[in-house]
Amino acid sequence: WENAAPKAEASDDRYRLEMAFSRGLYSGWMHGVNHQRLVHARFGKKRGALLGRITAAGRDWLELGGAVRVSPGDGIVIDQGGDTDQEQGGRVYEVIARGDVVRLGFERGIEFRLVQPGALLWKTDDPQLNKELRRSFAGEITKPAELIALTISGAAGEPLRIEARRGDFHAVALSTMPLQVAQKRPLTEATLREQLGRLGGTGFALGALENRLAGEVILPLSELNRLRRELVDKLAAAPVALPSVPVIHPSLTARLARIASHRKDVAATALTVLCRTMEQTEAALRLGVTELYADFEDIRRYKDVVARVRESTARICLATPRIQKAGEQGFFLLIGNAQPDGVLIRNLGALDYFRGRDLQRVGDFSLNVANPLTAEVLMGEGLDRLTVSYDLNAEQALDLLHAAPPAWFELTLHQHIPMFHMEHCVFAAFLSEGTDHTNCGRPCDRHTVTLRDRVGLEHPLKADVGCRNTLFHAQAQSGAAYFEAFRAMQPAAFRIELLNEDAEETARLIGGYQRLLRGDVSGGELVRELNLRSQLGVTRGTLAVAD
């Protein structure tokens, strides 16, 4: 990282890249795998451009050698290799160049007696560059609130009834006390609009309001406020109305019509469950799940899970790694030797390796099926079905099911979204002295690792058989709110992906989605249930449709 620091002759593009976002640029992957050096992790903050090493410090100044790209007003931080939360820094007041030495003056904020010669000096802020960059995002558009319409009715001695409409969805709330004849200040349209229109922060705004109250009646304002909160909860959990007809570019019409002509009805939509532990597998079998995927870090255990599922009437597919590099065909051999019912194909190498075998072959999300043309190509390679890309929101997923046979597709209803997949192994870098898989001692088998973000969420980290790490979002994404629209299209299967759930949580999740498929619970009810009984709750995540 230090060797790659910007010098005076560095290009302007490189400087901008480092100042916009950089923890130090390094060409490490070009030199092979070494987890102790590839990501040094000396700091978890943006560093910007490295100015150099401090050669001397005075009462209110720092000196360093060579020409440096720094101006009055720039922000700097002093890196002495300690706690990054205790670092000193400030803004440059003046810059004085004296031959090969540059002296930076400061007005306040630094205890210069604590600065040691040899400490690194980083430029973390460039106000002039910030001003230029800010022009590119100054026009950010805030998502508009969604308008709702209210109809209020009732008479003295009866409950007040409010019907709220959000698109085609209707929600009703009744007061817990009857309306009374008003002696003064009866409920008027103005009063109702003032109390029921307090929707700030909910994502809704009051549109039309129809007052059908009979006579002059009154109800405590506290009860009106309670009714407003009840309606907001019901509207927020409502299934999202999505357009049913996609817009297709005319030049693709003929090709897409041919693809869509392969459409056929699905007898029954299956529920598949992806398990990452034997405990989860056992729980799924107890609940009668008939189609399982196993995605174990140690694929040597695949034989064990296949043998266990063979004791039931269920079928099991084994997941391949997401990435297959030269020399890793042995992973496919282990999967084949476990004799599963099928394979969850995650890369094109696996697609080729298992071609023509008497196995069910399901293309996973990493094949990135986001349009009907890609789907047609991959189905032409003999796959039985495809997982819809996680890059699509709900509306786009429905567009895909309109444009190609829904029987080609499997939709993931519940999962922790994989945020990124990387070659660097955090387990080896922090929990061992080893440089790669040959000498790290496999700390991933013994430790659980999460990465905490700036808002306190702890995102689970998992290693795969190739020592590559995947960071999953802390909050599970649920598509339950869109289930009715998805089910109407009759895809081949819906999937639940488990992560760290124990047997009890696994049973609760699977049971909830089984009830959803049977029609015993609505999508909105299931979302509320998951939020109430989970520490982190669930989110609509990438499925959310922005207006």
Protein backbone atom coordinates (compact mmCIF):
# COMPACT_ATOMS: atom_id res chain seq x y z
CA TRP A 1 0.00 0.00 0.00
CA GLU A 2 2.77 2.45 0.86
CA ASN A 3 4.69 1.70 -2.33
CA ALA A 4 1.58 2.58 -4.30
CA ALA A 5 1.18 5.98 -2.63
CA PRO A 6 0.75 8.96 -4.94
CA LYS A 7 3.84 11.02 -5.75
CA ALA A 8 3.96 14.50 -7.15
CA GLU A 9 4.02 13.10 -10.66
CA ALA A 10 0.94 10.88 -10.09
CA SER A 11 -1.87 11.40 -12.56
CA ASP A 12 -4.80 13.61 -11.67
CA ASP A 13 -7.19 10.67 -12.18
CA ARG A 14 -5.27 8.56 -9.67
CA TYR A 15 -5.30 11.39 -7.15
CA ARG A 16 -9.05 11.84 -7.54
CA LEU A 17 -9.59 8.11 -7.08
CA GLU A 18 -7.60 8.06 -3.87
CA MET A 19 -9.30 11.14 -2.46
CA ALA A 20 -12.80 9.94 -3.37
CA PHE A 21 -12.43 6.56 -1.70
CA SER A 22 -9.26 4.70 -0.85
CA ARG A 23 -7.69 2.79 1.98
CA GLY A 24 -4.51 2.60 -0.04
CA LEU A 25 -4.13 1.29 -3.60
CA TYR A 26 -2.09 -1.86 -4.08
CA SER A 27 -1.37 -4.28 -6.94
CA GLY A 28 -1.11 -7.22 -4.54
CA TRP A 29 -3.22 -9.76 -6.43
CA MET A 30 -0.73 -9.52 -9.28
CA HIS A 31 1.85 -11.05 -6.95
CA GLY A 32 -0.17 -14.08 -5.84
CA VAL A 33 -2.15 -15.00 -2.73
CA ASN A 34 -0.83 -13.72 0.58
CA HIS A 35 -3.65 -12.94 3.00
CA GLN A 36 -1.31 -11.23 5.46
CA ARG A 37 -0.35 -8.57 2.91
CA LEU A 38 -3.21 -8.33 0.45
CA VAL A 39 -5.44 -6.38 2.83
CA HIS A 40 -3.26 -4.93 5.56
CA ALA A 41 -6.27 -3.65 7.54
CA ARG A 42 -4.15 -1.18 9.50
CA PHE A 43 -7.11 1.17 9.33
CA GLY A 44 -10.77 0.83 8.52
CA LYS A 45 -11.18 4.41 7.36
CA LYS A 46 -10.73 6.31 4.16
CA ARG A 47 -7.14 7.47 3.98
CA GLY A 48 -6.90 9.44 0.77
CA ALA A 49 -3.47 10.36 -0.63
CA LEU A 50 -0.25 9.57 1.21
CA LEU A 51 1.85 12.73 1.48
CA GLY A 52 4.93 11.07 2.97
CA ARG A 53 6.73 10.59 6.28
CA ILE A 54 7.13 13.37 8.84
CA THR A 55 10.79 14.33 9.29
CA ALA A 56 10.37 16.88 12.09
CA ALA A 57 7.73 18.52 14.28
CA GLY A 58 7.76 21.91 16.00
CA ARG A 59 5.50 24.02 18.15
CA ASP A 60 2.83 24.41 15.46
CA TRP A 61 4.27 22.81 12.34
CA LEU A 62 5.21 19.54 10.69
CA GLU A 63 7.92 18.99 8.10
CA LEU A 64 8.29 16.35 5.43
CA GLY A 65 10.64 15.92 2.52
CA GLY A 66 9.93 16.23 -1.20
CA ALA A 67 7.24 17.98 -3.19
CA VAL A 68 3.75 17.26 -1.88
CA ARG A 69 0.30 18.03 -3.24
CA VAL A 70 -1.16 20.05 -0.39
CA SER A 71 -2.77 23.48 -0.03
CA PRO A 72 -4.06 25.62 2.85
CA GLY A 73 -7.43 24.29 4.00
CA ASP A 74 -6.64 20.64 3.20
CA GLY A 75 -7.36 18.07 5.93
CA ILE A 76 -4.60 15.73 7.11
CA VAL A 77 -4.26 12.87 9.58
CA ILE A 78 -1.11 11.63 11.32
CA ASP A 79 -0.70 7.85 11.22
CA GLN A 80 1.65 6.49 13.89
CA GLY A 81 0.34 2.93 13.62
CA GLY A 82 -1.85 3.06 16.72
CA ASP A 83 -5.58 3.18 17.43
CA THR A 84 -7.27 4.86 14.47
CA ASP A 85 -9.88 6.33 16.83
CA GLN A 86 -7.15 8.26 18.66
CA GLU A 87 -5.35 9.71 15.66
CA GLN A 88 -4.49 13.37 15.46
CA GLY A 89 -5.28 15.55 12.52
CA GLY A 90 -6.46 18.95 11.40
CA ARG A 91 -6.50 21.47 8.59
CA VAL A 92 -3.40 22.97 7.07
CA TYR A 93 -3.10 26.71 7.76
CA GLU A 94 -0.06 27.51 5.62
CA VAL A 95 2.38 25.73 3.30
CA ILE A 96 6.01 26.84 3.11
CA ALA A 97 8.39 25.14 0.67
CA ARG A 98 12.10 25.37 1.53
CA GLY A 99 14.15 23.50 -1.02
CA ASP A 100 13.48 19.81 -0.61
CA VAL A 101 11.54 20.36 2.61
CA VAL A 102 7.89 21.37 2.98
CA ARG A 103 6.67 22.85 6.27
CA LEU A 104 2.96 22.66 7.04
CA GLY A 105 1.65 25.12 9.60
CA PHE A 106 -1.43 24.58 11.78
CA GLU A 107 -3.41 26.90 14.04
CA ARG A 108 -4.83 24.35 16.48
CA GLY A 109 -5.95 20.78 17.12
CA ILE A 110 -2.63 18.90 17.22
CA GLU A 111 -0.41 18.03 20.20
CA PHE A 112 2.89 18.31 18.36
CA ARG A 113 4.90 16.92 21.28
CA LEU A 114 3.26 13.53 20.64
CA VAL A 115 4.21 13.42 16.96
CA GLN A 116 7.12 11.10 16.22
CA PRO A 117 9.43 11.54 13.21
CA GLY A 118 8.76 8.79 10.72
CA ALA A 119 4.98 8.88 11.19
CA LEU A 120 2.95 8.79 7.99
CA LEU A 121 1.02 11.86 6.92
CA TRP A 122 -2.16 11.33 4.88
CA LYS A 123 -4.21 13.92 3.06
CA THR A 124 -7.81 12.98 3.85
CA ASP A 125 -9.74 15.99 2.58
CA ASP A 126 -9.43 18.38 -0.35
CA PRO A 127 -12.14 21.09 -0.15
CA GLN A 128 -11.59 22.20 -3.74
CA LEU A 129 -11.97 18.65 -5.07
CA ASN A 130 -15.03 18.13 -2.85
CA LYS A 131 -16.61 21.21 -4.40
CA GLU A 132 -16.06 19.81 -7.88
CA LEU A 133 -17.40 16.36 -6.96
CA ARG A 134 -20.42 17.73 -5.16
CA ARG A 135 -21.73 19.15 -8.43
CA SER A 136 -22.18 15.58 -9.70
CA PHE A 137 -24.65 14.59 -6.99
CA ALA A 138 -26.16 17.89 -5.87
CA GLY A 139 -29.33 17.10 -7.81
CA GLU A 140 -30.26 14.02 -5.77
CA ILE A 141 -34.01 13.33 -5.96
CA THR A 142 -35.88 12.35 -2.81
CA LYS A 143 -38.43 9.58 -3.28
CA PRO A 144 -41.90 11.19 -3.19
CA ALA A 145 -44.44 10.14 -0.58
CA GLU A 146 -47.20 7.82 -1.80
CA LEU A 147 -50.66 9.39 -1.74
CA ILE A 148 -53.45 7.61 0.15
CA ALA A 149 -57.19 8.36 0.11
CA LEU A 150 -59.43 8.23 3.19
CA THR A 151 -63.18 7.84 3.61
CA ILE A 152 -64.55 8.55 7.11
CA SER A 153 -68.04 7.46 8.13
CA GLY A 154 -70.16 6.89 11.23
CA ALA A 155 -72.90 8.35 13.39
CA ALA A 156 -73.50 9.05 17.07
CA GLY A 157 -73.47 5.82 19.08
CA GLU A 158 -71.49 3.97 16.36
CA PRO A 159 -67.71 3.45 15.94
CA LEU A 160 -65.94 5.83 13.60
CA ARG A 161 -64.92 3.92 10.46
CA ILE A 162 -61.94 4.92 8.31
CA GLU A 163 -61.28 3.23 4.99
CA ALA A 164 -57.84 3.89 3.49
CA ARG A 165 -56.96 3.19 -0.13
CA ARG A 166 -53.42 2.67 -1.43
CA GLY A 167 -53.76 1.87 -5.11
CA ASP A 168 -56.00 -1.20 -5.30
CA PHE A 169 -55.42 -2.09 -1.64
CA HIS A 170 -58.05 -1.18 0.97
CA ALA A 171 -57.53 -1.10 4.74
CA VAL A 172 -60.17 -0.40 7.39
CA ALA A 173 -59.84 0.75 11.01
CA LEU A 174 -62.64 1.14 13.58
CA SER A 175 -62.55 3.24 16.72
CA THR A 176 -62.66 1.42 20.03
CA MET A 177 -65.26 3.86 21.35
CA PRO A 178 -68.48 5.19 19.82
CA LEU A 179 -68.92 8.65 18.37
CA GLN A 180 -70.68 11.13 20.65
CA VAL A 181 -72.99 14.04 19.80
CA ALA A 182 -70.79 17.13 19.73
CA GLN A 183 -71.71 19.97 22.09
CA LYS A 184 -68.94 22.05 20.54
CA ARG A 185 -66.06 21.57 18.08
CA PRO A 186 -67.54 18.72 16.01
CA LEU A 187 -65.32 16.71 13.68
CA THR A 188 -65.03 18.63 10.44
CA GLU A 189 -63.14 17.87 7.27
CA ALA A 190 -60.47 20.35 8.35
CA THR A 191 -60.06 18.67 11.75
CA LEU A 192 -59.95 15.21 10.21
CA ARG A 193 -57.39 16.27 7.61
CA GLU A 194 -55.21 17.92 10.24
CA GLN A 195 -55.15 14.86 12.55
CA LEU A 196 -55.09 12.08 9.96
CA GLY A 197 -52.68 13.88 7.65
CA ARG A 198 -49.79 13.74 10.12
CA LEU A 199 -47.91 11.14 8.08
CA GLY A 200 -44.38 12.54 8.11
CA GLY A 201 -41.71 9.84 8.00
CA THR A 202 -44.15 7.07 7.02
CA GLY A 203 -43.65 7.28 3.25
CA PHE A 204 -47.31 8.24 2.80
CA ALA A 205 -49.10 11.54 2.30
CA LEU A 206 -52.81 12.31 2.58
CA GLY A 207 -54.56 12.85 -0.74
CA ALA A 208 -58.34 12.79 -1.07
CA LEU A 209 -60.42 12.77 2.12
CA GLU A 210 -64.19 12.16 2.04
CA ASN A 211 -66.18 13.02 5.17
CA ARG A 212 -69.38 10.93 5.39
CA LEU A 213 -70.06 11.49 9.11
CA ALA A 214 -73.76 11.79 9.95
CA GLY A 215 -74.53 14.88 12.02
CA GLU A 216 -72.23 16.76 14.36
CA VAL A 217 -70.23 14.18 16.26
CA ILE A 218 -66.97 14.08 18.18
CA LEU A 219 -64.22 11.61 19.10
CA PRO A 220 -61.13 12.19 21.26
CA LEU A 221 -58.13 13.32 19.22
CA SER A 222 -56.03 10.61 20.90
CA GLU A 223 -58.31 7.97 19.33
CA LEU A 224 -57.97 9.61 15.91
CA ASN A 225 -54.18 9.46 16.30
CA ARG A 226 -54.37 5.76 17.22
CA LEU A 227 -56.52 5.05 14.16
CA ARG A 228 -53.99 6.86 11.97
CA ARG A 229 -51.12 4.71 13.30
CA GLU A 230 -53.14 1.51 12.83
CA LEU A 231 -53.89 2.37 9.21
CA VAL A 232 -50.24 3.23 8.49
CA ASP A 233 -49.16 -0.18 9.83
CA LYS A 234 -51.73 -1.96 7.65
CA LEU A 235 -50.84 0.04 4.53
CA ALA A 236 -47.10 -0.47 5.02
CA ALA A 237 -47.54 -4.26 5.22
CA ALA A 238 -49.81 -4.41 2.17
CA PRO A 239 -48.76 -6.37 -0.93
CA VAL A 240 -47.22 -3.99 -3.43
CA ALA A 241 -49.20 -3.58 -6.64
CA LEU A 242 -46.97 -4.22 -9.63
CA PRO A 243 -47.66 -3.71 -13.32
CA SER A 244 -48.69 -6.88 -15.10
CA VAL A 245 -47.57 -6.00 -18.63
CA PRO A 246 -43.91 -5.32 -19.37
CA VAL A 247 -42.70 -2.88 -21.98
CA ILE A 248 -40.69 -4.72 -24.63
CA HIS A 249 -38.45 -3.05 -27.17
CA PRO A 250 -39.95 -3.54 -30.67
CA SER A 251 -36.70 -4.94 -32.09
CA LEU A 252 -36.93 -7.87 -29.67
CA THR A 253 -40.61 -8.60 -30.21
CA ALA A 254 -40.21 -11.54 -32.56
CA ARG A 255 -37.42 -13.17 -30.56
CA LEU A 256 -39.24 -12.74 -27.28
CA ALA A 257 -42.50 -14.01 -28.74
CA ARG A 258 -40.71 -17.21 -29.72
CA ILE A 259 -39.25 -17.55 -26.21
CA ALA A 260 -42.63 -16.91 -24.58
CA SER A 261 -44.26 -19.51 -26.84
CA HIS A 262 -42.52 -22.22 -24.80
CA ARG A 263 -44.78 -21.31 -21.88
CA LYS A 264 -46.48 -24.19 -20.09
CA ASP A 265 -48.45 -24.49 -16.87
CA VAL A 266 -46.78 -25.68 -13.68
CA ALA A 267 -48.71 -28.39 -11.86
CA ALA A 268 -47.59 -27.19 -8.42
CA THR A 269 -45.01 -24.64 -7.35
CA ALA A 270 -42.36 -26.27 -5.15
CA LEU A 271 -40.79 -24.82 -2.02
CA THR A 272 -37.03 -25.40 -1.93
CA VAL A 273 -34.80 -24.75 1.06
CA LEU A 274 -31.05 -24.07 0.92
CA CYS A 275 -29.32 -25.37 4.07
CA ARG A 276 -25.80 -24.56 5.21
CA THR A 277 -25.63 -26.94 8.19
CA MET A 278 -26.76 -30.44 9.03
CA GLU A 279 -28.91 -29.00 11.84
CA GLN A 280 -30.85 -26.93 9.31
CA THR A 281 -31.20 -29.97 7.05
CA GLU A 282 -32.69 -32.04 9.87
CA ALA A 283 -35.19 -29.29 10.69
CA ALA A 284 -36.24 -28.98 7.05
CA LEU A 285 -36.78 -32.73 6.75
CA ARG A 286 -38.91 -32.77 9.90
CA LEU A 287 -41.18 -30.13 8.31
CA GLY A 288 -41.65 -32.24 5.20
CA VAL A 289 -39.58 -30.19 2.74
CA THR A 290 -39.16 -32.35 -0.36
CA GLU A 291 -36.52 -30.34 -2.29
CA LEU A 292 -33.31 -29.34 -0.54
CA TYR A 293 -30.08 -27.62 -1.53
CA ALA A 294 -26.93 -28.14 0.52
CA ASP A 295 -24.32 -25.37 0.52
CA PHE A 296 -21.69 -26.54 3.02
CA GLU A 297 -18.33 -24.84 3.49
CA ASP A 298 -16.69 -28.25 3.84
CA ILE A 299 -17.89 -30.14 0.78
CA ARG A 300 -16.39 -33.34 2.18
CA ARG A 301 -19.58 -33.45 4.28
CA TYR A 302 -21.75 -33.62 1.17
CA LYS A 303 -21.72 -37.41 1.27
CA ASP A 304 -23.12 -37.31 4.81
CA VAL A 305 -25.96 -34.94 3.97
CA VAL A 306 -26.88 -36.94 0.84
CA ALA A 307 -26.98 -40.14 2.89
CA ARG A 308 -29.22 -38.47 5.48
CA VAL A 309 -31.67 -37.14 2.88
CA ARG A 310 -31.77 -40.57 1.23
CA GLU A 311 -33.45 -41.83 4.42
CA SER A 312 -36.45 -39.62 3.54
CA THR A 313 -38.52 -39.06 0.42
CA ALA A 314 -36.85 -35.70 -0.25
CA ARG A 315 -34.46 -34.86 -3.09
CA ILE A 316 -31.18 -32.99 -2.64
CA CYS A 317 -29.03 -30.83 -4.92
CA LEU A 318 -25.47 -29.91 -3.94
CA ALA A 319 -24.17 -26.39 -4.54
CA THR A 320 -20.94 -25.76 -6.43
CA PRO A 321 -18.59 -22.89 -5.47
CA ARG A 322 -19.49 -19.54 -7.04
CA ILE A 323 -16.10 -19.31 -8.73
CA GLN A 324 -14.08 -22.11 -10.30
CA LYS A 325 -10.42 -21.44 -11.07
CA ALA A 326 -7.84 -23.54 -12.87
CA GLY A 327 -6.96 -26.60 -10.82
CA GLU A 328 -10.23 -26.64 -8.87
CA GLN A 329 -12.03 -29.32 -10.91
CA GLY A 330 -11.54 -31.60 -7.91
CA PHE A 331 -14.40 -29.79 -6.19
CA PHE A 332 -16.75 -30.95 -8.93
CA LEU A 333 -15.43 -34.50 -8.60
CA LEU A 334 -16.26 -34.52 -4.87
CA ILE A 335 -19.77 -33.24 -5.60
CA GLY A 336 -20.35 -35.91 -8.24
CA ASN A 337 -18.97 -38.68 -6.01
CA ALA A 338 -21.51 -37.76 -3.31
CA GLN A 339 -24.20 -38.98 -5.75
CA PRO A 340 -26.82 -36.25 -5.22
CA ASP A 341 -30.12 -35.98 -7.05
CA GLY A 342 -28.95 -32.76 -8.63
CA VAL A 343 -26.48 -29.88 -8.66
CA LEU A 344 -26.98 -26.18 -7.99
CA ILE A 345 -24.85 -24.73 -10.80
CA ARG A 346 -23.10 -21.49 -9.85
CA ASN A 347 -20.52 -21.02 -12.61
CA LEU A 348 -20.00 -21.90 -16.26
CA GLY A 349 -17.26 -24.41 -15.41
CA ALA A 350 -19.79 -26.44 -13.43
CA LEU A 351 -22.30 -26.10 -16.28
CA ASP A 352 -19.79 -27.74 -18.61
CA TYR A 353 -18.57 -30.37 -16.11
CA PHE A 354 -22.04 -31.71 -15.29
CA ARG A 355 -23.33 -31.47 -18.86
CA GLY A 356 -25.28 -34.54 -20.01
CA ARG A 357 -25.30 -36.23 -16.59
CA ASP A 358 -28.39 -37.89 -15.19
CA LEU A 359 -28.85 -35.16 -12.59
CA GLN A 360 -31.22 -32.29 -12.02
CA ARG A 361 -29.31 -29.12 -12.85
CA VAL A 362 -30.51 -25.80 -11.45
CA GLY A 363 -28.78 -22.56 -12.44
CA ASP A 364 -28.17 -20.35 -9.41
CA PHE A 365 -28.33 -16.56 -9.01
CA SER A 366 -24.61 -16.14 -9.81
CA LEU A 367 -25.33 -16.97 -13.47
CA ASN A 368 -27.08 -13.57 -13.37
CA VAL A 369 -30.20 -14.39 -15.34
CA ALA A 370 -31.76 -10.94 -15.67
CA ASN A 371 -33.39 -11.11 -19.11
CA PRO A 372 -35.17 -13.69 -21.29
CA LEU A 373 -32.34 -13.91 -23.83
CA THR A 374 -29.85 -15.05 -21.18
CA ALA A 375 -32.47 -17.45 -19.83
CA GLU A 376 -33.00 -18.96 -23.28
CA VAL A 377 -29.26 -19.51 -23.82
CA LEU A 378 -28.77 -21.22 -20.45
CA MET A 379 -31.91 -23.35 -20.73
CA GLY A 380 -30.57 -24.41 -24.12
CA GLU A 381 -27.56 -25.84 -22.26
CA GLY A 382 -29.84 -28.38 -20.62
CA LEU A 383 -30.59 -26.74 -17.28
CA ASP A 384 -33.88 -27.73 -15.64
CA ARG A 385 -34.59 -24.27 -14.24
CA LEU A 386 -32.90 -20.99 -13.39
CA THR A 387 -32.76 -18.77 -10.32
CA VAL A 388 -33.84 -15.21 -11.05
CA SER A 389 -30.93 -12.77 -10.64
CA TYR A 390 -30.70 -10.99 -7.30
CA ASP A 391 -30.03 -7.76 -9.20
CA LEU A 392 -33.69 -7.52 -10.19
CA ASN A 393 -36.35 -5.76 -8.18
CA ALA A 394 -39.84 -7.27 -7.93
CA GLU A 395 -41.21 -5.41 -10.92
CA GLN A 396 -38.28 -6.48 -13.10
CA ALA A 397 -38.61 -10.09 -11.93
CA LEU A 398 -42.25 -10.08 -13.00
CA ASP A 399 -41.23 -8.63 -16.36
CA LEU A 400 -38.88 -11.58 -16.79
CA LEU A 401 -41.64 -14.07 -15.97
CA HIS A 402 -43.89 -12.38 -18.52
CA ALA A 403 -41.25 -12.47 -21.26
CA ALA A 404 -40.14 -16.11 -20.79
CA PRO A 405 -41.86 -19.28 -19.55
CA PRO A 406 -42.35 -18.99 -15.75
CA ALA A 407 -41.70 -22.75 -15.53
CA TRP A 408 -38.06 -21.94 -16.30
CA PHE A 409 -37.59 -19.99 -13.09
CA GLU A 410 -37.12 -20.27 -9.36
CA LEU A 411 -37.66 -17.17 -7.20
CA THR A 412 -35.89 -16.66 -3.88
CA LEU A 413 -38.44 -15.46 -1.31
CA HIS A 414 -36.19 -15.30 1.75
CA GLN A 415 -32.44 -14.85 2.04
CA HIS A 416 -29.58 -12.79 3.40
CA ILE A 417 -28.35 -11.00 0.27
CA PRO A 418 -24.66 -11.73 -0.50
CA MET A 419 -23.19 -8.22 -0.64
CA PHE A 420 -19.80 -9.16 -2.03
CA HIS A 421 -17.68 -12.22 -2.75
CA MET A 422 -13.91 -11.85 -2.47
CA GLU A 423 -10.68 -13.76 -2.89
CA HIS A 424 -9.21 -12.27 0.28
CA CYS A 425 -9.76 -14.48 3.33
CA VAL A 426 -10.47 -12.45 6.46
CA PHE A 427 -10.25 -15.60 8.59
CA ALA A 428 -6.68 -16.31 7.46
CA ALA A 429 -5.60 -12.67 7.69
CA PHE A 430 -6.80 -12.06 11.26
CA LEU A 431 -7.04 -15.48 12.91
CA SER A 432 -3.85 -17.13 11.69
CA GLU A 433 -0.28 -16.40 10.68
CA GLY A 434 -0.67 -18.30 7.40
CA THR A 435 -0.48 -16.78 3.96
CA ASP A 436 -2.93 -19.09 2.14
CA HIS A 437 -4.96 -22.31 2.50
CA THR A 438 -1.84 -24.48 2.71
CA ASN A 439 -0.68 -23.08 6.05
CA CYS A 440 -3.56 -21.08 7.59
CA GLY A 441 -4.82 -23.94 9.81
CA ARG A 442 -8.43 -23.36 8.65
CA PRO A 443 -9.63 -20.94 11.36
CA CYS A 444 -12.90 -20.70 9.39
CA ASP A 445 -13.80 -24.14 10.79
CA ARG A 446 -13.61 -22.90 14.39
CA HIS A 447 -14.60 -19.23 14.38
CA THR A 448 -17.62 -17.10 13.57
CA VAL A 449 -16.82 -13.70 12.06
CA THR A 450 -19.07 -10.69 11.43
CA LEU A 451 -18.17 -7.26 10.11
CA ARG A 452 -19.81 -4.35 11.93
CA ASP A 453 -20.81 -1.39 9.77
CA ARG A 454 -21.08 2.28 10.72
CA VAL A 455 -24.68 1.91 11.97
CA GLY A 456 -23.91 -1.11 14.15
CA LEU A 457 -25.27 -3.93 11.96
CA GLU A 458 -23.11 -7.04 12.09
CA HIS A 459 -22.92 -8.70 8.68
CA PRO A 460 -22.04 -12.43 8.70
CA LEU A 461 -18.94 -13.57 6.84
CA LYS A 462 -18.66 -17.07 5.38
CA ALA A 463 -15.75 -18.88 3.74
CA ASP A 464 -16.24 -21.43 0.96
CA VAL A 465 -14.25 -24.49 -0.03
CA GLY A 466 -11.97 -22.34 -2.20
CA CYS A 467 -11.20 -20.04 0.77
CA ARG A 468 -13.13 -17.21 -0.87
CA ASN A 469 -15.22 -15.12 1.53
CA THR A 470 -18.82 -13.93 1.13
CA LEU A 471 -20.24 -11.11 3.22
CA PHE A 472 -23.99 -11.44 3.75
CA HIS A 473 -26.34 -8.65 4.79
CA ALA A 474 -27.29 -8.77 8.46
CA GLN A 475 -31.00 -8.34 7.68
CA ALA A 476 -32.81 -11.03 5.76
CA GLN A 477 -34.64 -9.98 2.60
CA SER A 478 -38.20 -11.21 2.30
CA GLY A 479 -40.28 -11.22 -0.86
CA ALA A 480 -43.45 -12.18 1.01
CA ALA A 481 -45.06 -8.80 0.28
CA TYR A 482 -44.86 -9.57 -3.45
CA PHE A 483 -45.86 -13.22 -3.15
CA GLU A 484 -49.35 -12.94 -4.61
CA ALA A 485 -48.04 -11.27 -7.77
CA PHE A 486 -45.26 -13.87 -8.07
CA ARG A 487 -47.56 -16.84 -7.45
CA ALA A 488 -49.99 -15.67 -10.13
CA MET A 489 -47.20 -16.18 -12.68
CA GLN A 490 -46.70 -19.85 -11.63
CA PRO A 491 -42.90 -20.11 -11.42
CA ALA A 492 -41.40 -23.57 -10.97
CA ALA A 493 -40.28 -23.01 -7.38
CA PHE A 494 -39.90 -20.57 -4.50
CA ARG A 495 -36.75 -20.74 -2.39
CA ILE A 496 -35.78 -20.04 1.21
CA GLU A 497 -32.03 -19.61 1.85
CA LEU A 498 -30.82 -20.19 5.40
CA LEU A 499 -27.62 -18.74 6.81
CA ASN A 500 -26.84 -19.01 10.55
CA GLU A 501 -30.29 -20.08 11.79
CA ASP A 502 -30.44 -22.78 14.46
CA ALA A 503 -33.01 -25.58 14.37
CA GLU A 504 -35.71 -23.54 16.11
CA GLU A 505 -35.33 -20.49 13.86
CA THR A 506 -35.12 -22.74 10.79
CA ALA A 507 -38.41 -24.41 11.70
CA ARG A 508 -40.08 -21.04 12.31
CA LEU A 509 -38.97 -19.62 8.96
CA ILE A 510 -39.84 -22.67 6.90
CA GLY A 511 -43.17 -23.06 8.69
CA GLY A 512 -44.05 -19.43 7.99
CA TYR A 513 -43.37 -19.71 4.27
CA GLN A 514 -45.18 -23.06 4.07
CA ARG A 515 -48.25 -21.32 5.49
CA LEU A 516 -47.79 -18.55 2.92
CA LEU A 517 -47.79 -21.05 0.04
CA ARG A 518 -50.87 -22.80 1.45
CA GLY A 519 -52.72 -19.50 1.72
CA ASP A 520 -53.02 -19.70 5.52
CA VAL A 521 -51.29 -16.33 5.96
CA SER A 522 -50.91 -13.28 3.72
CA GLY A 523 -47.58 -11.84 2.68
CA GLY A 524 -48.16 -8.73 4.77
CA GLU A 525 -49.03 -10.80 7.85
CA LEU A 526 -45.90 -12.94 7.42
CA VAL A 527 -43.68 -9.86 7.08
CA ARG A 528 -45.11 -8.44 10.31
CA GLU A 529 -44.62 -11.80 12.04
CA LEU A 530 -40.99 -12.01 10.89
CA ASN A 531 -40.29 -8.46 12.05
CA LEU A 532 -41.88 -9.06 15.45
CA ARG A 533 -40.02 -12.27 16.17
CA SER A 534 -36.60 -11.43 14.76
CA GLN A 535 -33.99 -9.24 16.40
CA LEU A 536 -33.08 -7.55 13.14
CA GLY A 537 -36.34 -8.09 11.28
CA VAL A 538 -36.59 -8.36 7.52
CA THR A 539 -36.35 -5.92 4.64
CA ARG A 540 -37.66 -5.83 1.07
CA GLY A 541 -34.08 -5.10 0.05
CA THR A 542 -33.30 -5.35 -3.65
CA LEU A 543 -36.90 -6.34 -4.39
CA ALA A 544 -38.19 -2.91 -3.38
CA VAL A 545 -39.55 -0.99 -6.34
CA ALA A 546 -38.51 2.68 -6.37
CA ASP A 547 -41.10 5.13 -7.72
